[in-house]
């Protein structure tokens, strides 16, 4: 696995070097030479490009309604939402082989975030004699992971100076610690694209970010292998439920908006007990991906 990662990073380095003379949208174009260690320069490059590092969906406290009959469930959810009260971030940086100057040319940063808080459910108690409403709060303990690839390339103003730049990114994988619910695959279909994702942490170069032009009709098919799961779609100010196909797959349709820049969408699988059993623990696995409506925005030119 490690050899494959370094092969991907070396390929990204070659692409960056091939196009470093005409970078567009770079936040690192300055005549001043970089200072500090490679570690600090890598951290600085990531800090200057937060849209490629962060996502704006999972920690949202936007609530979602659930309006479907629940059958023989212990509780009937009306609305549910997360409240993240603590985030602890760590960065695991692996540098590639050194060049003739003794410095690495590539770096792979794995971002880990430990999220804790509560999963909140506004419910109606389901008994023949009790129709009262209540708030159930389940402890939330999630692990958030993303990978970022960087390359060290000559500065376009002064080739004698080299700078670290973002070259690739993965999606985001968020899963409950010790949880068993999982998204196994996600198929994305449009009129011009049909692809299936099985690993949200697979690397892709920035110029190959998912392109969904404004107005594109998108069909998502998530597979969890468990027909009792509840699968949710997360978009910008949007929370919706996938249609359960009854065979462990779930389908959702959405239309890409017109926002220029990086947007995100997410797929979140919840165990049945998370929503419908007040004594069952919270259990979730979410995949989050960035996409663009135009292909011309990235910190480097490949």
C-alpha atoms as a PDB file:
ATOM      1  CA  UNK A   1       0.000   0.000   0.000  1.00  0.00           C
ATOM      2  CA  UNK A   2       2.790   2.428   0.886  1.00  0.00           C
ATOM      3  CA  UNK A   3       4.541   1.824  -2.452  1.00  0.00           C
ATOM      4  CA  UNK A   4       1.277   2.662  -4.263  1.00  0.00           C
ATOM      5  CA  UNK A   5       0.941   5.876  -2.270  1.00  0.00           C
ATOM      6  CA  UNK A   6       4.442   7.002  -3.186  1.00  0.00           C
ATOM      7  CA  UNK A   7       3.825   6.089  -6.831  1.00  0.00           C
ATOM      8  CA  UNK A   8       0.769   8.363  -6.785  1.00  0.00           C
ATOM      9  CA  UNK A   9       2.742  11.140  -5.108  1.00  0.00           C
ATOM     10  CA  UNK A  10       5.594  10.889  -7.596  1.00  0.00           C
ATOM     11  CA  UNK A  11       3.097  11.071 -10.444  1.00  0.00           C
ATOM     12  CA  UNK A  12       1.565  14.165  -8.859  1.00  0.00           C
ATOM     13  CA  UNK A  13       5.045  15.665  -8.497  1.00  0.00           C
ATOM     14  CA  UNK A  14       5.725  15.127 -12.186  1.00  0.00           C
ATOM     15  CA  UNK A  15       2.434  16.771 -13.114  1.00  0.00           C
ATOM     16  CA  UNK A  16       3.149  19.747 -10.882  1.00  0.00           C
ATOM     17  CA  UNK A  17       6.658  20.213 -12.268  1.00  0.00           C
ATOM     18  CA  UNK A  18       5.331  20.047 -15.801  1.00  0.00           C
ATOM     19  CA  UNK A  19       2.996  22.964 -15.206  1.00  0.00           C
ATOM     20  CA  UNK A  20       4.610  25.012 -12.484  1.00  0.00           C
ATOM     21  CA  UNK A  21       5.413  27.835 -14.901  1.00  0.00           C
ATOM     22  CA  UNK A  22       1.807  29.005 -15.243  1.00  0.00           C
ATOM     23  CA  UNK A  23       0.030  28.372 -11.977  1.00  0.00           C
ATOM     24  CA  UNK A  24      -3.394  29.975 -11.543  1.00  0.00           C
ATOM     25  CA  UNK A  25      -5.190  30.633  -8.307  1.00  0.00           C
ATOM     26  CA  UNK A  26      -2.139  29.844  -6.182  1.00  0.00           C
ATOM     27  CA  UNK A  27      -2.042  31.443  -2.762  1.00  0.00           C
ATOM     28  CA  UNK A  28       1.711  30.862  -2.562  1.00  0.00           C
ATOM     29  CA  UNK A  29       2.932  33.090  -5.417  1.00  0.00           C
ATOM     30  CA  UNK A  30       5.354  35.415  -3.678  1.00  0.00           C
ATOM     31  CA  UNK A  31       8.940  36.455  -4.325  1.00  0.00           C
ATOM     32  CA  UNK A  32      10.009  35.835  -0.737  1.00  0.00           C
ATOM     33  CA  UNK A  33      11.755  32.474  -0.230  1.00  0.00           C
ATOM     34  CA  UNK A  34      10.028  30.024   2.098  1.00  0.00           C
ATOM     35  CA  UNK A  35      11.226  29.854   5.663  1.00  0.00           C
ATOM     36  CA  UNK A  36      11.140  27.148   8.295  1.00  0.00           C
ATOM     37  CA  UNK A  37      11.356  23.397   8.054  1.00  0.00           C
ATOM     38  CA  UNK A  38       9.639  21.274   5.436  1.00  0.00           C
ATOM     39  CA  UNK A  39       7.122  20.328   8.109  1.00  0.00           C
ATOM     40  CA  UNK A  40       6.187  23.936   8.796  1.00  0.00           C
ATOM     41  CA  UNK A  41       6.089  24.793   5.085  1.00  0.00           C
ATOM     42  CA  UNK A  42       3.738  21.870   4.452  1.00  0.00           C
ATOM     43  CA  UNK A  43       1.522  23.057   7.313  1.00  0.00           C
ATOM     44  CA  UNK A  44       1.553  26.580   5.874  1.00  0.00           C
ATOM     45  CA  UNK A  45       0.562  25.360   2.405  1.00  0.00           C
ATOM     46  CA  UNK A  46      -2.406  23.510   3.881  1.00  0.00           C
ATOM     47  CA  UNK A  47      -3.436  26.480   6.008  1.00  0.00           C
ATOM     48  CA  UNK A  48      -3.469  28.681   2.892  1.00  0.00           C
ATOM     49  CA  UNK A  49      -5.856  26.308   1.094  1.00  0.00           C
ATOM     50  CA  UNK A  50      -8.569  25.481   3.659  1.00  0.00           C
ATOM     51  CA  UNK A  51     -11.216  24.627   1.057  1.00  0.00           C
ATOM     52  CA  UNK A  52      -9.212  21.558   0.034  1.00  0.00           C
ATOM     53  CA  UNK A  53      -8.534  20.504   3.626  1.00  0.00           C
ATOM     54  CA  UNK A  54     -11.849  21.079   5.408  1.00  0.00           C
ATOM     55  CA  UNK A  55     -15.514  20.390   4.675  1.00  0.00           C
ATOM     56  CA  UNK A  56     -18.576  22.270   5.837  1.00  0.00           C
ATOM     57  CA  UNK A  57     -21.159  19.519   6.287  1.00  0.00           C
ATOM     58  CA  UNK A  58     -20.494  17.038   9.058  1.00  0.00           C
ATOM     59  CA  UNK A  59     -20.257  19.407  12.016  1.00  0.00           C
ATOM     60  CA  UNK A  60     -23.355  21.340  10.970  1.00  0.00           C
ATOM     61  CA  UNK A  61     -26.096  21.446  13.589  1.00  0.00           C
ATOM     62  CA  UNK A  62     -28.806  21.663  10.935  1.00  0.00           C
ATOM     63  CA  UNK A  63     -31.626  19.330  11.910  1.00  0.00           C
ATOM     64  CA  UNK A  64     -33.318  16.820   9.651  1.00  0.00           C
ATOM     65  CA  UNK A  65     -36.949  15.749   9.790  1.00  0.00           C
ATOM     66  CA  UNK A  66     -38.081  12.147   9.562  1.00  0.00           C
ATOM     67  CA  UNK A  67     -41.677  11.855   8.404  1.00  0.00           C
ATOM     68  CA  UNK A  68     -42.039   8.176   7.543  1.00  0.00           C
ATOM     69  CA  UNK A  69     -44.044   5.689   9.608  1.00  0.00           C
ATOM     70  CA  UNK A  70     -41.655   3.592  11.692  1.00  0.00           C
ATOM     71  CA  UNK A  71     -43.674   0.457  12.344  1.00  0.00           C
ATOM     72  CA  UNK A  72     -42.762  -1.407  15.542  1.00  0.00           C
ATOM     73  CA  UNK A  73     -40.060   1.018  16.684  1.00  0.00           C
ATOM     74  CA  UNK A  74     -39.376   1.961  20.281  1.00  0.00           C
ATOM     75  CA  UNK A  75     -39.369   5.646  19.413  1.00  0.00           C
ATOM     76  CA  UNK A  76     -40.590   7.760  16.500  1.00  0.00           C
ATOM     77  CA  UNK A  77     -38.026  10.405  15.469  1.00  0.00           C
ATOM     78  CA  UNK A  78     -39.342  13.803  14.462  1.00  0.00           C
ATOM     79  CA  UNK A  79     -36.044  15.621  13.989  1.00  0.00           C
ATOM     80  CA  UNK A  80     -32.427  14.725  14.631  1.00  0.00           C
ATOM     81  CA  UNK A  81     -29.100  16.558  14.565  1.00  0.00           C
ATOM     82  CA  UNK A  82     -25.524  16.409  15.807  1.00  0.00           C
ATOM     83  CA  UNK A  83     -23.879  18.713  18.292  1.00  0.00           C
ATOM     84  CA  UNK A  84     -20.067  18.508  18.156  1.00  0.00           C
ATOM     85  CA  UNK A  85     -18.659  19.909  21.383  1.00  0.00           C
ATOM     86  CA  UNK A  86     -15.001  18.979  21.026  1.00  0.00           C
ATOM     87  CA  UNK A  87     -12.631  18.503  18.080  1.00  0.00           C
ATOM     88  CA  UNK A  88      -9.071  17.250  18.491  1.00  0.00           C
ATOM     89  CA  UNK A  89      -6.950  17.311  15.325  1.00  0.00           C
ATOM     90  CA  UNK A  90      -3.665  15.564  14.588  1.00  0.00           C
ATOM     91  CA  UNK A  91      -1.579  15.484  11.401  1.00  0.00           C
ATOM     92  CA  UNK A  92       0.496  12.502  10.318  1.00  0.00           C
ATOM     93  CA  UNK A  93       3.024  13.651   7.684  1.00  0.00           C
ATOM     94  CA  UNK A  94       4.983  11.130   5.640  1.00  0.00           C
ATOM     95  CA  UNK A  95       7.700  12.547   3.389  1.00  0.00           C
ATOM     96  CA  UNK A  96       8.822  10.843   0.200  1.00  0.00           C
ATOM     97  CA  UNK A  97      12.392  10.089  -0.898  1.00  0.00           C
ATOM     98  CA  UNK A  98      14.897  12.949  -0.879  1.00  0.00           C
ATOM     99  CA  UNK A  99      16.179  14.584  -4.055  1.00  0.00           C
ATOM    100  CA  UNK A 100      19.768  15.631  -4.825  1.00  0.00           C
ATOM    101  CA  UNK A 101      19.531  18.487  -2.297  1.00  0.00           C
ATOM    102  CA  UNK A 102      18.651  16.069   0.498  1.00  0.00           C
ATOM    103  CA  UNK A 103      15.104  17.378   0.834  1.00  0.00           C
ATOM    104  CA  UNK A 104      11.918  15.428   0.075  1.00  0.00           C
ATOM    105  CA  UNK A 105       9.904  16.280  -3.030  1.00  0.00           C
ATOM    106  CA  UNK A 106       6.583  14.813  -1.897  1.00  0.00           C
ATOM    107  CA  UNK A 107       4.540  14.617   1.268  1.00  0.00           C
ATOM    108  CA  UNK A 108       1.383  12.781   2.273  1.00  0.00           C
ATOM    109  CA  UNK A 109      -0.533  14.283   5.197  1.00  0.00           C
ATOM    110  CA  UNK A 110      -3.244  12.249   6.907  1.00  0.00           C
ATOM    111  CA  UNK A 111      -5.553  14.457   8.944  1.00  0.00           C
ATOM    112  CA  UNK A 112      -7.246  12.840  11.919  1.00  0.00           C
ATOM    113  CA  UNK A 113      -9.993  14.578  13.869  1.00  0.00           C
ATOM    114  CA  UNK A 114     -11.553  13.114  16.968  1.00  0.00           C
ATOM    115  CA  UNK A 115     -15.107  14.450  17.237  1.00  0.00           C
ATOM    116  CA  UNK A 116     -17.155  14.125  20.411  1.00  0.00           C
ATOM    117  CA  UNK A 117     -20.547  15.440  21.361  1.00  0.00           C
ATOM    118  CA  UNK A 118     -24.101  14.174  21.089  1.00  0.00           C
ATOM    119  CA  UNK A 119     -26.541  12.843  18.518  1.00  0.00           C
ATOM    120  CA  UNK A 120     -29.897  14.389  19.356  1.00  0.00           C
ATOM    121  CA  UNK A 121     -33.332  13.007  18.491  1.00  0.00           C
ATOM    122  CA  UNK A 122     -36.609  14.810  19.103  1.00  0.00           C
ATOM    123  CA  UNK A 123     -39.080  11.952  19.393  1.00  0.00           C
ATOM    124  CA  UNK A 124     -42.607  10.840  20.068  1.00  0.00           C
ATOM    125  CA  UNK A 125     -42.863   7.922  22.482  1.00  0.00           C
ATOM    126  CA  UNK A 126     -44.656   5.044  20.745  1.00  0.00           C
ATOM    127  CA  UNK A 127     -46.986   3.326  23.201  1.00  0.00           C
ATOM    128  CA  UNK A 128     -50.788   2.978  23.205  1.00  0.00           C
ATOM    129  CA  UNK A 129     -51.112   5.249  26.236  1.00  0.00           C
ATOM    130  CA  UNK A 130     -48.220   7.699  25.822  1.00  0.00           C
ATOM    131  CA  UNK A 131     -47.863  10.226  23.006  1.00  0.00           C
ATOM    132  CA  UNK A 132     -45.493  12.594  24.767  1.00  0.00           C
ATOM    133  CA  UNK A 133     -42.478  14.142  23.088  1.00  0.00           C
ATOM    134  CA  UNK A 134     -38.951  13.951  24.411  1.00  0.00           C
ATOM    135  CA  UNK A 135     -35.329  14.661  23.531  1.00  0.00           C
ATOM    136  CA  UNK A 136     -32.926  11.741  23.396  1.00  0.00           C
ATOM    137  CA  UNK A 137     -29.216  12.482  23.432  1.00  0.00           C
ATOM    138  CA  UNK A 138     -26.783   9.715  22.515  1.00  0.00           C
ATOM    139  CA  UNK A 139     -23.027  10.056  23.052  1.00  0.00           C
ATOM    140  CA  UNK A 140     -21.179  10.755  19.812  1.00  0.00           C
ATOM    141  CA  UNK A 141     -17.574   9.617  19.327  1.00  0.00           C
ATOM    142  CA  UNK A 142     -16.460   9.826  15.685  1.00  0.00           C
ATOM    143  CA  UNK A 143     -13.153   9.597  13.818  1.00  0.00           C
ATOM    144  CA  UNK A 144     -12.775  11.993  10.842  1.00  0.00           C
ATOM    145  CA  UNK A 145     -10.027  11.242   8.299  1.00  0.00           C
ATOM    146  CA  UNK A 146      -8.732  12.879   5.108  1.00  0.00           C
ATOM    147  CA  UNK A 147      -5.496  12.684   3.087  1.00  0.00           C
ATOM    148  CA  UNK A 148      -3.708  15.570   1.384  1.00  0.00           C
ATOM    149  CA  UNK A 149      -0.798  15.190  -1.075  1.00  0.00           C
ATOM    150  CA  UNK A 150       1.773  17.943  -1.539  1.00  0.00           C
ATOM    151  CA  UNK A 151       4.773  18.415  -3.828  1.00  0.00           C
ATOM    152  CA  UNK A 152       7.800  20.705  -3.623  1.00  0.00           C
ATOM    153  CA  UNK A 153       8.215  22.537  -6.920  1.00  0.00           C
ATOM    154  CA  UNK A 154      10.262  25.474  -8.281  1.00  0.00           C
ATOM    155  CA  UNK A 155       8.753  28.896  -7.761  1.00  0.00           C
ATOM    156  CA  UNK A 156       7.365  30.332 -10.997  1.00  0.00           C
ATOM    157  CA  UNK A 157       9.066  33.684 -10.317  1.00  0.00           C
ATOM    158  CA  UNK A 158      12.410  32.287  -9.203  1.00  0.00           C
ATOM    159  CA  UNK A 159      13.168  28.634 -10.109  1.00  0.00           C
ATOM    160  CA  UNK A 160      16.009  28.617  -7.593  1.00  0.00           C
ATOM    161  CA  UNK A 161      13.403  28.692  -4.848  1.00  0.00           C
ATOM    162  CA  UNK A 162      11.134  25.710  -4.218  1.00  0.00           C
ATOM    163  CA  UNK A 163       7.767  25.774  -2.508  1.00  0.00           C
ATOM    164  CA  UNK A 164       5.345  23.189  -1.177  1.00  0.00           C
ATOM    165  CA  UNK A 165       2.011  23.142  -2.968  1.00  0.00           C
ATOM    166  CA  UNK A 166      -1.108  21.038  -2.729  1.00  0.00           C
ATOM    167  CA  UNK A 167      -1.265  18.441  -5.491  1.00  0.00           C
ATOM    168  CA  UNK A 168      -4.008  16.011  -4.498  1.00  0.00           C
ATOM    169  CA  UNK A 169      -6.694  15.220  -1.983  1.00  0.00           C
ATOM    170  CA  UNK A 170      -9.013  12.443  -0.917  1.00  0.00           C
ATOM    171  CA  UNK A 171     -12.582  12.483   0.257  1.00  0.00           C
ATOM    172  CA  UNK A 172     -13.452  12.375   3.956  1.00  0.00           C
ATOM    173  CA  UNK A 173     -14.315   9.258   5.915  1.00  0.00           C
ATOM    174  CA  UNK A 174     -16.133   9.741   9.231  1.00  0.00           C
ATOM    175  CA  UNK A 175     -17.019   6.695  11.259  1.00  0.00           C
ATOM    176  CA  UNK A 176     -18.187   5.999  14.786  1.00  0.00           C
ATOM    177  CA  UNK A 177     -15.463   4.497  16.913  1.00  0.00           C
ATOM    178  CA  UNK A 178     -16.201   0.790  17.417  1.00  0.00           C
ATOM    179  CA  UNK A 179     -19.200   1.164  15.094  1.00  0.00           C
ATOM    180  CA  UNK A 180     -20.289  -1.526  12.636  1.00  0.00           C
ATOM    181  CA  UNK A 181     -22.420   0.463  10.182  1.00  0.00           C
ATOM    182  CA  UNK A 182     -20.550   1.207   6.962  1.00  0.00           C
ATOM    183  CA  UNK A 183     -20.942   2.560   3.469  1.00  0.00           C
ATOM    184  CA  UNK A 184     -19.554  -0.146   1.197  1.00  0.00           C
ATOM    185  CA  UNK A 185     -19.712   1.760  -2.086  1.00  0.00           C
ATOM    186  CA  UNK A 186     -21.184   4.829  -3.700  1.00  0.00           C
ATOM    187  CA  UNK A 187     -22.135   4.958  -7.380  1.00  0.00           C
ATOM    188  CA  UNK A 188     -22.397   8.401  -8.951  1.00  0.00           C
ATOM    189  CA  UNK A 189     -24.168   8.701 -12.295  1.00  0.00           C
ATOM    190  CA  UNK A 190     -24.778  11.650 -14.619  1.00  0.00           C
ATOM    191  CA  UNK A 191     -25.403  11.924 -18.354  1.00  0.00           C
ATOM    192  CA  UNK A 192     -21.614  12.040 -18.897  1.00  0.00           C
ATOM    193  CA  UNK A 193     -20.208  10.138 -15.921  1.00  0.00           C
ATOM    194  CA  UNK A 194     -20.738   6.794 -14.246  1.00  0.00           C
ATOM    195  CA  UNK A 195     -18.293   5.898 -11.497  1.00  0.00           C
ATOM    196  CA  UNK A 196     -18.329   3.793  -8.346  1.00  0.00           C
ATOM    197  CA  UNK A 197     -16.307   4.765  -5.264  1.00  0.00           C
ATOM    198  CA  UNK A 198     -15.245   2.034  -2.855  1.00  0.00           C
ATOM    199  CA  UNK A 199     -12.616   3.943  -0.860  1.00  0.00           C
ATOM    200  CA  UNK A 200     -13.300   7.560   0.165  1.00  0.00           C
ATOM    201  CA  UNK A 201      -9.618   8.033   1.043  1.00  0.00           C
ATOM    202  CA  UNK A 202      -8.357   7.227  -2.447  1.00  0.00           C
ATOM    203  CA  UNK A 203      -6.143  10.052  -3.718  1.00  0.00           C
ATOM    204  CA  UNK A 204      -6.884  12.127  -6.799  1.00  0.00           C
ATOM    205  CA  UNK A 205      -5.085  15.162  -8.144  1.00  0.00           C
ATOM    206  CA  UNK A 206      -6.738  18.522  -7.736  1.00  0.00           C
ATOM    207  CA  UNK A 207      -7.282  19.006 -11.458  1.00  0.00           C
ATOM    208  CA  UNK A 208      -9.246  15.766 -11.397  1.00  0.00           C
ATOM    209  CA  UNK A 209     -11.651  16.816  -8.692  1.00  0.00           C
ATOM    210  CA  UNK A 210     -15.175  15.684  -9.366  1.00  0.00           C
ATOM    211  CA  UNK A 211     -16.637  18.011 -11.997  1.00  0.00           C
ATOM    212  CA  UNK A 212     -20.404  18.568 -11.854  1.00  0.00           C
ATOM    213  CA  UNK A 213     -21.329  21.554 -14.027  1.00  0.00           C
ATOM    214  CA  UNK A 214     -24.199  23.694 -12.804  1.00  0.00           C
ATOM    215  CA  UNK A 215     -27.547  22.079 -13.530  1.00  0.00           C
ATOM    216  CA  UNK A 216     -26.139  18.544 -13.761  1.00  0.00           C
ATOM    217  CA  UNK A 217     -28.649  15.902 -12.678  1.00  0.00           C
ATOM    218  CA  UNK A 218     -26.870  13.469 -10.372  1.00  0.00           C
ATOM    219  CA  UNK A 219     -28.002  10.034  -9.198  1.00  0.00           C
ATOM    220  CA  UNK A 220     -26.314   8.521  -6.145  1.00  0.00           C
ATOM    221  CA  UNK A 221     -26.625   4.855  -5.222  1.00  0.00           C
ATOM    222  CA  UNK A 222     -25.185   3.930  -1.836  1.00  0.00           C
ATOM    223  CA  UNK A 223     -24.629   0.334  -0.770  1.00  0.00           C
ATOM    224  CA  UNK A 224     -24.451  -0.580   2.916  1.00  0.00           C
ATOM    225  CA  UNK A 225     -25.522  -4.223   2.699  1.00  0.00           C
ATOM    226  CA  UNK A 226     -28.161  -3.687   5.384  1.00  0.00           C
ATOM    227  CA  UNK A 227     -31.698  -2.847   4.309  1.00  0.00           C
ATOM    228  CA  UNK A 228     -32.501  -1.600   7.828  1.00  0.00           C
ATOM    229  CA  UNK A 229     -30.002   1.258   7.646  1.00  0.00           C
ATOM    230  CA  UNK A 230     -31.078   4.865   7.164  1.00  0.00           C
ATOM    231  CA  UNK A 231     -28.963   6.685   4.555  1.00  0.00           C
ATOM    232  CA  UNK A 232     -28.875  10.471   4.379  1.00  0.00           C
ATOM    233  CA  UNK A 233     -27.710  13.035   1.830  1.00  0.00           C
ATOM    234  CA  UNK A 234     -25.875  16.160   2.993  1.00  0.00           C
ATOM    235  CA  UNK A 235     -25.538  19.195   0.747  1.00  0.00           C
ATOM    236  CA  UNK A 236     -25.227  22.934   1.144  1.00  0.00           C
ATOM    237  CA  UNK A 237     -28.032  23.851   3.570  1.00  0.00           C
ATOM    238  CA  UNK A 238     -29.731  20.621   2.586  1.00  0.00           C
ATOM    239  CA  UNK A 239     -30.515  17.403   4.432  1.00  0.00           C
ATOM    240  CA  UNK A 240     -32.503  14.655   2.732  1.00  0.00           C
ATOM    241  CA  UNK A 241     -33.089  10.926   3.020  1.00  0.00           C
ATOM    242  CA  UNK A 242     -32.135   8.366   0.369  1.00  0.00           C
ATOM    243  CA  UNK A 243     -34.848   6.067  -0.957  1.00  0.00           C
ATOM    244  CA  UNK A 244     -34.458   2.605   0.537  1.00  0.00           C
ATOM    245  CA  UNK A 245     -34.522   0.022  -2.279  1.00  0.00           C
ATOM    246  CA  UNK A 246     -35.036  -2.831   0.186  1.00  0.00           C
ATOM    247  CA  UNK A 247     -31.887  -4.754  -0.779  1.00  0.00           C
ATOM    248  CA  UNK A 248     -29.159  -2.902   1.098  1.00  0.00           C
ATOM    249  CA  UNK A 249     -28.914  -0.181  -1.581  1.00  0.00           C
ATOM    250  CA  UNK A 250     -30.267   3.367  -1.387  1.00  0.00           C
ATOM    251  CA  UNK A 251     -30.854   5.976  -4.091  1.00  0.00           C
ATOM    252  CA  UNK A 252     -30.932   9.767  -4.157  1.00  0.00           C
ATOM    253  CA  UNK A 253     -31.136  12.394  -6.909  1.00  0.00           C
ATOM    254  CA  UNK A 254     -29.877  15.985  -6.762  1.00  0.00           C
ATOM    255  CA  UNK A 255     -29.032  18.832  -9.113  1.00  0.00           C
ATOM    256  CA  UNK A 256     -25.627  20.527  -8.968  1.00  0.00           C
ATOM    257  CA  UNK A 257     -25.854  24.214  -8.066  1.00  0.00           C
ATOM    258  CA  UNK A 258     -24.125  27.225  -9.571  1.00  0.00           C
ATOM    259  CA  UNK A 259     -21.708  28.131  -6.786  1.00  0.00           C
ATOM    260  CA  UNK A 260     -18.230  28.893  -8.176  1.00  0.00           C
ATOM    261  CA  UNK A 261     -15.656  27.199  -5.980  1.00  0.00           C
ATOM    262  CA  UNK A 262     -15.474  23.971  -4.082  1.00  0.00           C
ATOM    263  CA  UNK A 263     -18.720  22.484  -2.804  1.00  0.00           C
ATOM    264  CA  UNK A 264     -19.208  19.311  -0.821  1.00  0.00           C
ATOM    265  CA  UNK A 265     -21.797  16.574  -0.668  1.00  0.00           C
ATOM    266  CA  UNK A 266     -21.995  13.757   1.828  1.00  0.00           C
ATOM    267  CA  UNK A 267     -23.580  10.339   2.267  1.00  0.00           C
ATOM    268  CA  UNK A 268     -24.233   9.218   5.836  1.00  0.00           C
ATOM    269  CA  UNK A 269     -25.375   5.713   6.836  1.00  0.00           C
ATOM    270  CA  UNK A 270     -27.020   5.403  10.256  1.00  0.00           C
ATOM    271  CA  UNK A 271     -27.901   2.137  11.929  1.00  0.00           C
ATOM    272  CA  UNK A 272     -31.623   1.533  12.443  1.00  0.00           C
ATOM    273  CA  UNK A 273     -31.166   1.567  16.205  1.00  0.00           C
ATOM    274  CA  UNK A 274     -29.522   4.996  16.116  1.00  0.00           C
ATOM    275  CA  UNK A 275     -32.859   6.579  15.215  1.00  0.00           C
ATOM    276  CA  UNK A 276     -35.472   4.095  16.372  1.00  0.00           C
ATOM    277  CA  UNK A 277     -34.213   2.566  19.617  1.00  0.00           C
ATOM    278  CA  UNK A 278     -33.542   4.793  22.598  1.00  0.00           C
ATOM    279  CA  UNK A 279     -31.368   2.106  24.211  1.00  0.00           C
ATOM    280  CA  UNK A 280     -29.202   1.428  21.117  1.00  0.00           C
ATOM    281  CA  UNK A 281     -25.914   3.312  20.692  1.00  0.00           C
ATOM    282  CA  UNK A 282     -25.294   5.893  18.004  1.00  0.00           C
ATOM    283  CA  UNK A 283     -23.579   4.296  14.960  1.00  0.00           C
ATOM    284  CA  UNK A 284     -22.716   6.109  11.726  1.00  0.00           C
ATOM    285  CA  UNK A 285     -20.397   6.089   8.717  1.00  0.00           C
ATOM    286  CA  UNK A 286     -20.257   9.125   6.427  1.00  0.00           C
ATOM    287  CA  UNK A 287     -18.351   9.775   3.193  1.00  0.00           C
ATOM    288  CA  UNK A 288     -17.885  13.379   2.075  1.00  0.00           C
ATOM    289  CA  UNK A 289     -16.553  14.541  -1.289  1.00  0.00           C
ATOM    290  CA  UNK A 290     -15.657  17.871  -2.828  1.00  0.00           C
ATOM    291  CA  UNK A 291     -16.702  18.865  -6.323  1.00  0.00           C
ATOM    292  CA  UNK A 292     -16.452  21.864  -8.627  1.00  0.00           C
ATOM    293  CA  UNK A 293     -18.747  23.274 -11.299  1.00  0.00           C
ATOM    294  CA  UNK A 294     -15.816  24.523 -13.421  1.00  0.00           C
ATOM    295  CA  UNK A 295     -12.410  22.830 -13.817  1.00  0.00           C
ATOM    296  CA  UNK A 296     -10.229  25.920 -13.544  1.00  0.00           C
ATOM    297  CA  UNK A 297      -9.678  26.387  -9.815  1.00  0.00           C
ATOM    298  CA  UNK A 298      -6.752  24.694  -8.065  1.00  0.00           C
ATOM    299  CA  UNK A 299      -3.552  25.730  -6.257  1.00  0.00           C
ATOM    300  CA  UNK A 300      -1.375  24.165  -9.000  1.00  0.00           C
ATOM    301  CA  UNK A 301      -1.479  23.639 -12.742  1.00  0.00           C
ATOM    302  CA  UNK A 302      -0.936  19.972 -13.730  1.00  0.00           C
END
